Protein backbone atom coordinates (compact mmCIF):
# COMPACT_ATOMS: atom_id res chain seq x y z
CA MET A 1 -2.80 1.29 4.78
CA GLU A 2 -4.75 4.42 4.12
CA GLU A 3 -3.05 7.77 3.58
CA THR A 4 -5.10 10.86 4.23
CA GLN A 5 -4.25 14.48 4.51
CA LYS A 6 -6.25 15.59 7.53
CA ALA A 7 -3.82 17.82 9.33
CA VAL A 8 -3.81 18.74 12.93
CA THR A 9 -1.53 20.99 14.84
CA ASP A 10 -1.86 19.57 18.33
CA ALA A 11 -3.34 16.71 20.30
CA ALA A 12 -6.56 18.57 21.10
CA THR A 13 -7.47 18.99 17.43
CA TRP A 14 -6.20 15.64 16.13
CA ARG A 15 -9.63 14.04 15.87
CA ALA A 16 -11.43 17.25 14.95
CA GLY A 17 -10.78 16.60 11.26
CA ARG A 18 -9.33 19.96 10.35
CA GLU A 19 -8.16 20.38 6.78
CA PRO A 20 -4.46 19.83 6.20
CA GLY A 21 -1.85 22.41 5.66
CA PRO A 22 1.03 21.92 3.26
CA GLY A 23 3.64 19.44 4.39
CA VAL A 24 1.37 17.22 6.52
CA TRP A 25 0.54 13.57 5.84
CA ARG A 26 -1.37 11.02 7.91
CA PHE A 27 -1.09 7.26 7.78
CA THR A 28 -3.72 5.11 9.49
CA ALA A 29 -3.17 1.45 10.35
CA GLU A 30 -4.73 -1.39 12.29
CA PRO A 31 -3.12 -2.06 15.70
CA GLN A 32 -1.21 -5.16 14.59
CA GLU A 33 2.47 -6.00 14.23
CA SER A 34 2.43 -5.81 10.42
CA SER A 35 1.52 -2.12 10.74
CA VAL A 36 4.98 -1.28 12.09
CA PRO A 37 6.95 -1.96 8.88
CA ARG A 38 4.10 -0.70 6.67
CA THR A 39 3.99 2.63 8.51
CA ARG A 40 7.79 2.89 8.51
CA HIS A 41 7.90 2.27 4.74
CA ALA A 42 5.11 4.79 4.12
CA VAL A 43 6.98 7.45 6.12
CA ARG A 44 10.26 6.63 4.36
CA ASP A 45 8.62 6.85 0.95
CA ARG A 46 7.07 10.22 1.83
CA LEU A 47 10.38 11.60 3.14
CA LEU A 48 12.15 10.53 -0.05
CA ALA A 49 9.35 11.95 -2.20
CA GLN A 50 9.81 15.25 -0.37
CA GLY A 51 13.47 15.35 -1.41
CA MET A 52 15.11 13.92 1.70
CA ALA A 53 17.44 11.61 -0.17
CA GLY A 54 21.19 11.80 -0.23
CA GLU A 55 23.92 11.98 2.33
CA ARG A 56 22.74 15.27 3.84
CA TYR A 57 19.48 13.67 5.01
CA GLN A 58 20.65 10.11 5.79
CA GLU A 59 21.02 10.49 9.56
CA LEU A 60 17.72 12.40 9.85
CA VAL A 61 15.83 9.78 7.84
CA ASP A 62 17.41 6.94 9.83
CA ASP A 63 16.49 8.64 13.12
CA LEU A 64 12.91 9.28 12.00
CA LEU A 65 12.42 5.70 10.84
CA LEU A 66 13.72 4.36 14.15
CA ILE A 67 11.39 6.72 16.03
CA VAL A 68 8.32 5.82 13.97
CA SER A 69 9.08 2.11 14.38
CA GLU A 70 9.32 2.42 18.16
CA LEU A 71 6.24 4.62 18.54
CA VAL A 72 4.00 2.52 16.30
CA SER A 73 5.30 -0.67 17.91
CA ASN A 74 4.45 0.72 21.36
CA ALA A 75 0.96 1.70 20.21
CA VAL A 76 0.37 -1.75 18.71
CA THR A 77 1.73 -3.54 21.79
CA HIS A 78 0.14 -1.47 24.53
CA ALA A 79 -2.92 0.23 23.08
CA ALA A 80 -4.49 -2.27 20.68
CA ALA A 81 -7.22 -3.29 23.14
CA LEU A 82 -8.55 0.27 23.41
CA SER A 83 -7.55 1.67 20.05
CA PRO A 84 -9.15 0.33 16.85
CA GLN A 85 -6.63 2.29 14.78
CA VAL A 86 -3.19 3.78 15.14
CA HIS A 87 -2.57 7.08 13.40
CA CYS A 88 0.83 8.37 12.37
CA GLU A 89 1.28 11.94 11.24
CA LEU A 90 4.31 13.32 9.43
CA MET A 91 4.80 17.07 9.28
CA ILE A 92 7.60 18.71 7.34
CA ASP A 93 8.20 22.43 7.52
CA PRO A 94 11.23 24.52 6.49
CA GLU A 95 12.97 23.97 9.84
CA ARG A 96 11.94 20.58 11.18
CA VAL A 97 10.26 17.22 10.73
CA ARG A 98 7.74 16.06 13.29
CA ILE A 99 6.48 12.51 13.61
CA SER A 100 3.43 11.86 15.81
CA VAL A 101 1.64 8.65 16.71
CA LEU A 102 -1.86 8.70 18.15
CA ASP A 103 -3.70 5.87 19.81
CA GLY A 104 -6.86 5.66 21.90
CA HIS A 105 -5.29 4.32 25.09
CA PRO A 106 -5.31 6.75 28.05
CA TYR A 107 -2.12 5.47 29.69
CA ARG A 108 0.68 8.01 29.49
CA PRO A 109 3.90 6.04 28.99
CA ARG A 110 7.21 7.03 30.50
CA ALA A 111 10.73 6.26 29.35
CA GLN A 112 12.05 3.38 31.46
CA GLU A 113 15.51 3.25 32.92
CA ASN A 114 17.94 1.00 31.10
CA ASP A 115 17.64 -2.35 32.93
CA PRO A 116 19.66 -5.12 31.23
CA VAL A 117 17.71 -7.82 33.12
CA ARG A 118 14.26 -6.65 32.07
CA PRO A 119 13.36 -7.39 28.43
CA GLY A 120 11.69 -4.60 26.49
CA GLY A 121 10.44 -1.34 27.92
CA ARG A 122 13.21 0.82 26.48
CA GLY A 123 11.53 2.07 23.30
CA LEU A 124 10.65 5.50 24.66
CA LEU A 125 14.07 5.83 26.25
CA LEU A 126 15.56 5.17 22.81
CA VAL A 127 13.19 7.68 21.16
CA LYS A 128 14.06 10.32 23.74
CA SER A 129 17.79 9.68 23.40
CA VAL A 130 17.80 9.77 19.58
CA THR A 131 15.60 12.88 19.56
CA LEU A 132 17.74 14.81 22.05
CA GLN A 133 20.98 13.75 20.35
CA ALA A 134 19.61 15.15 17.07
CA GLY A 135 18.80 18.47 18.76
CA GLY A 136 15.05 17.85 18.77
CA GLU A 137 12.32 17.48 21.32
CA CYS A 138 9.64 14.92 22.14
CA ASP A 139 6.61 14.68 24.40
CA VAL A 140 3.32 12.93 25.13
CA GLU A 141 0.02 14.81 25.03
CA ARG A 142 -3.55 13.78 25.80
CA THR A 143 -6.29 14.02 23.21
CA GLU A 144 -9.75 15.39 24.00
CA ASP A 145 -11.24 11.91 23.79
CA GLY A 146 -8.82 10.41 26.33
CA GLY A 147 -6.18 8.95 24.03
CA LYS A 148 -2.66 10.20 23.54
CA VAL A 149 -0.26 11.55 20.95
CA ILE A 150 3.43 10.80 21.31
CA TRP A 151 5.58 13.00 19.09
CA ALA A 152 9.17 13.78 18.23
CA SER A 153 10.39 16.80 16.31
CA LEU A 154 13.84 16.85 14.71
CA PRO A 155 15.55 19.81 13.03
CA LEU A 156 16.36 19.63 9.34
CA PRO A 157 20.08 19.48 8.59
CA ALA A 158 21.80 22.68 7.55
CA PRO A 159 22.06 23.17 3.78
CA GLY A 160 25.24 21.85 2.21
CA PRO A 161 27.44 23.83 -0.16
CA ALA A 162 25.74 24.83 -3.41
CA GLY A 163 26.00 22.26 -6.16
CA THR A 164 26.45 19.22 -3.90
CA GLY A 165 23.29 17.56 -5.17
CA ASP A 166 22.08 17.03 -1.61
CA GLY A 167 19.29 19.60 -1.58
CA PRO A 168 15.70 18.65 -2.32
CA ASP A 169 15.62 20.91 -5.37
CA GLU A 170 19.03 20.05 -6.79
CA ASP A 171 19.64 17.52 -9.54
CA PRO A 172 23.08 15.94 -9.03
CA ASP A 173 23.21 14.78 -12.68
CA TYR A 174 22.42 18.18 -14.19
């Protein structure tokens, strides 16, 4: 998997190749099943490298990894025929973390109702539910070239008491 730092701020500029800002990482993968765990691991490693380890961040990291797994899996399953690559972008700012997945398929997916008889089809419903429960937001946007970006943005947890060792700049063994 290739990691680049070409940042974009919205679906219209995703493919324009703008230079990245701080706190933005892109992971590009082939549209195949093995890309799901590789992308999830790359995102997890980046989150941990950015200081999101410890109890304070556990629920956020778990939610983000579930979201990235579902979004990349959907792109691989439904867009592979029209999308030679799947792009995942991770953006971290002081207030939130945003995960976006871009593919070249024009179909705009919708969250399906929970139907216990029908297998599959609930990934976006799960993403929407996890995102809203965390106090975030998610959406689907079209790109200029006819593809789509599906994104979810989750708020960072409130800082814990000083000296808990849960902050990204704190050393619990110091």
